[in-house]
Amino acid sequence: MNMVNNYIYNLLLALVCGVEGLSNSEIAVVDKDQIKQLNSLGKSSITISRKKNERAYRISVGGGRENAMQIKTNRFEELF
């Protein structure tokens, strides 16, 4: 984390994984290290997915689901 004017900043990216009606939508939270990794790929977009009953989202980094960054669900307590 960077210290600027006595404040600590932790960069997070929240991705809203919306479904019709939004009441069953979820939020995937990507931390700063994962953001750096995604940025280093030089992609102009990302795709996030999750199969039914999986406990993690996946962001493709090339080469299909087997070669994907996993984003745990329910990360709020871990990150905040």
Protein backbone atom coordinates (compact mmCIF):
# COMPACT_ATOMS: atom_id res chain seq x y z
CA MET A 1 0.00 0.00 0.00
CA ASN A 2 1.12 3.55 -0.68
CA MET A 3 1.26 6.23 2.00
CA VAL A 4 0.18 9.64 0.72
CA ASN A 5 -0.36 12.53 3.14
CA ASN A 6 -0.66 10.04 6.03
CA TYR A 7 -3.44 8.10 4.29
CA ILE A 8 -3.11 4.48 3.20
CA TYR A 9 -4.70 3.60 -0.14
CA ASN A 10 -5.59 0.10 -1.24
CA LEU A 11 -6.79 -0.04 -4.83
CA LEU A 12 -9.70 -2.40 -5.45
CA LEU A 13 -11.86 -2.95 -8.50
CA ALA A 14 -15.47 -4.02 -7.92
CA LEU A 15 -17.13 -5.78 -10.83
CA VAL A 16 -20.90 -6.01 -10.69
CA CYS A 17 -21.96 -9.39 -12.03
CA GLY A 18 -25.54 -8.47 -12.75
CA VAL A 19 -28.50 -10.61 -13.56
CA GLU A 20 -31.99 -9.58 -14.52
CA GLY A 21 -33.73 -7.88 -11.63
CA LEU A 22 -30.38 -7.20 -9.90
CA SER A 23 -31.55 -8.75 -6.59
CA ASN A 24 -29.50 -11.89 -7.31
CA SER A 25 -26.50 -9.97 -8.66
CA GLU A 26 -23.09 -10.30 -7.05
CA ILE A 27 -19.94 -8.23 -6.79
CA ALA A 28 -16.50 -9.63 -7.59
CA VAL A 29 -13.68 -7.68 -5.94
CA VAL A 30 -10.27 -7.63 -7.65
CA ASP A 31 -7.32 -6.56 -5.47
CA LYS A 32 -4.38 -4.37 -6.50
CA ASP A 33 -2.05 -7.29 -7.30
CA GLN A 34 -4.66 -8.86 -9.55
CA ILE A 35 -5.26 -5.48 -11.21
CA LYS A 36 -1.52 -5.22 -11.91
CA GLN A 37 -1.51 -8.71 -13.40
CA LEU A 38 -4.49 -7.92 -15.62
CA ASN A 39 -2.95 -4.62 -16.69
CA SER A 40 0.29 -6.36 -17.67
CA LEU A 41 -1.65 -8.49 -20.19
CA GLY A 42 -2.31 -5.39 -22.31
CA LYS A 43 -5.93 -6.38 -22.97
CA SER A 44 -8.55 -3.74 -23.72
CA SER A 45 -11.29 -5.76 -21.99
CA ILE A 46 -11.76 -8.63 -19.57
CA THR A 47 -14.32 -11.40 -19.28
CA ILE A 48 -15.43 -12.66 -15.90
CA SER A 49 -17.47 -15.82 -15.45
CA ARG A 50 -18.51 -18.37 -12.89
CA LYS A 51 -20.12 -21.74 -13.39
CA LYS A 52 -23.11 -22.59 -11.24
CA ASN A 53 -22.09 -23.67 -7.72
CA GLU A 54 -18.45 -22.63 -8.16
CA ARG A 55 -16.98 -20.66 -5.24
CA ALA A 56 -14.78 -18.43 -7.38
CA TYR A 57 -15.13 -16.22 -10.42
CA ARG A 58 -12.65 -16.63 -13.25
CA ILE A 59 -11.09 -13.96 -15.40
CA SER A 60 -9.54 -15.34 -18.56
CA VAL A 61 -5.87 -14.50 -18.97
CA GLY A 62 -5.56 -16.50 -22.20
CA GLY A 63 -5.95 -20.17 -22.97
CA GLY A 64 -9.41 -20.89 -21.61
CA ARG A 65 -10.84 -21.61 -18.16
CA GLU A 66 -7.87 -23.71 -17.10
CA ASN A 67 -5.59 -20.67 -17.47
CA ALA A 68 -7.69 -18.13 -15.60
CA MET A 69 -7.27 -15.85 -12.61
CA GLN A 70 -9.57 -16.96 -9.81
CA ILE A 71 -11.41 -14.33 -7.80
CA LYS A 72 -12.83 -15.71 -4.54
CA THR A 73 -16.42 -14.94 -3.69
CA ASN A 74 -17.30 -13.24 -0.38
CA ARG A 75 -13.97 -11.38 -0.11
CA PHE A 76 -15.22 -8.33 1.79
CA GLU A 77 -13.98 -9.45 5.20
CA GLU A 78 -10.65 -10.51 3.70
CA LEU A 79 -10.04 -7.20 1.91
CA PHE A 80 -11.52 -4.67 4.35
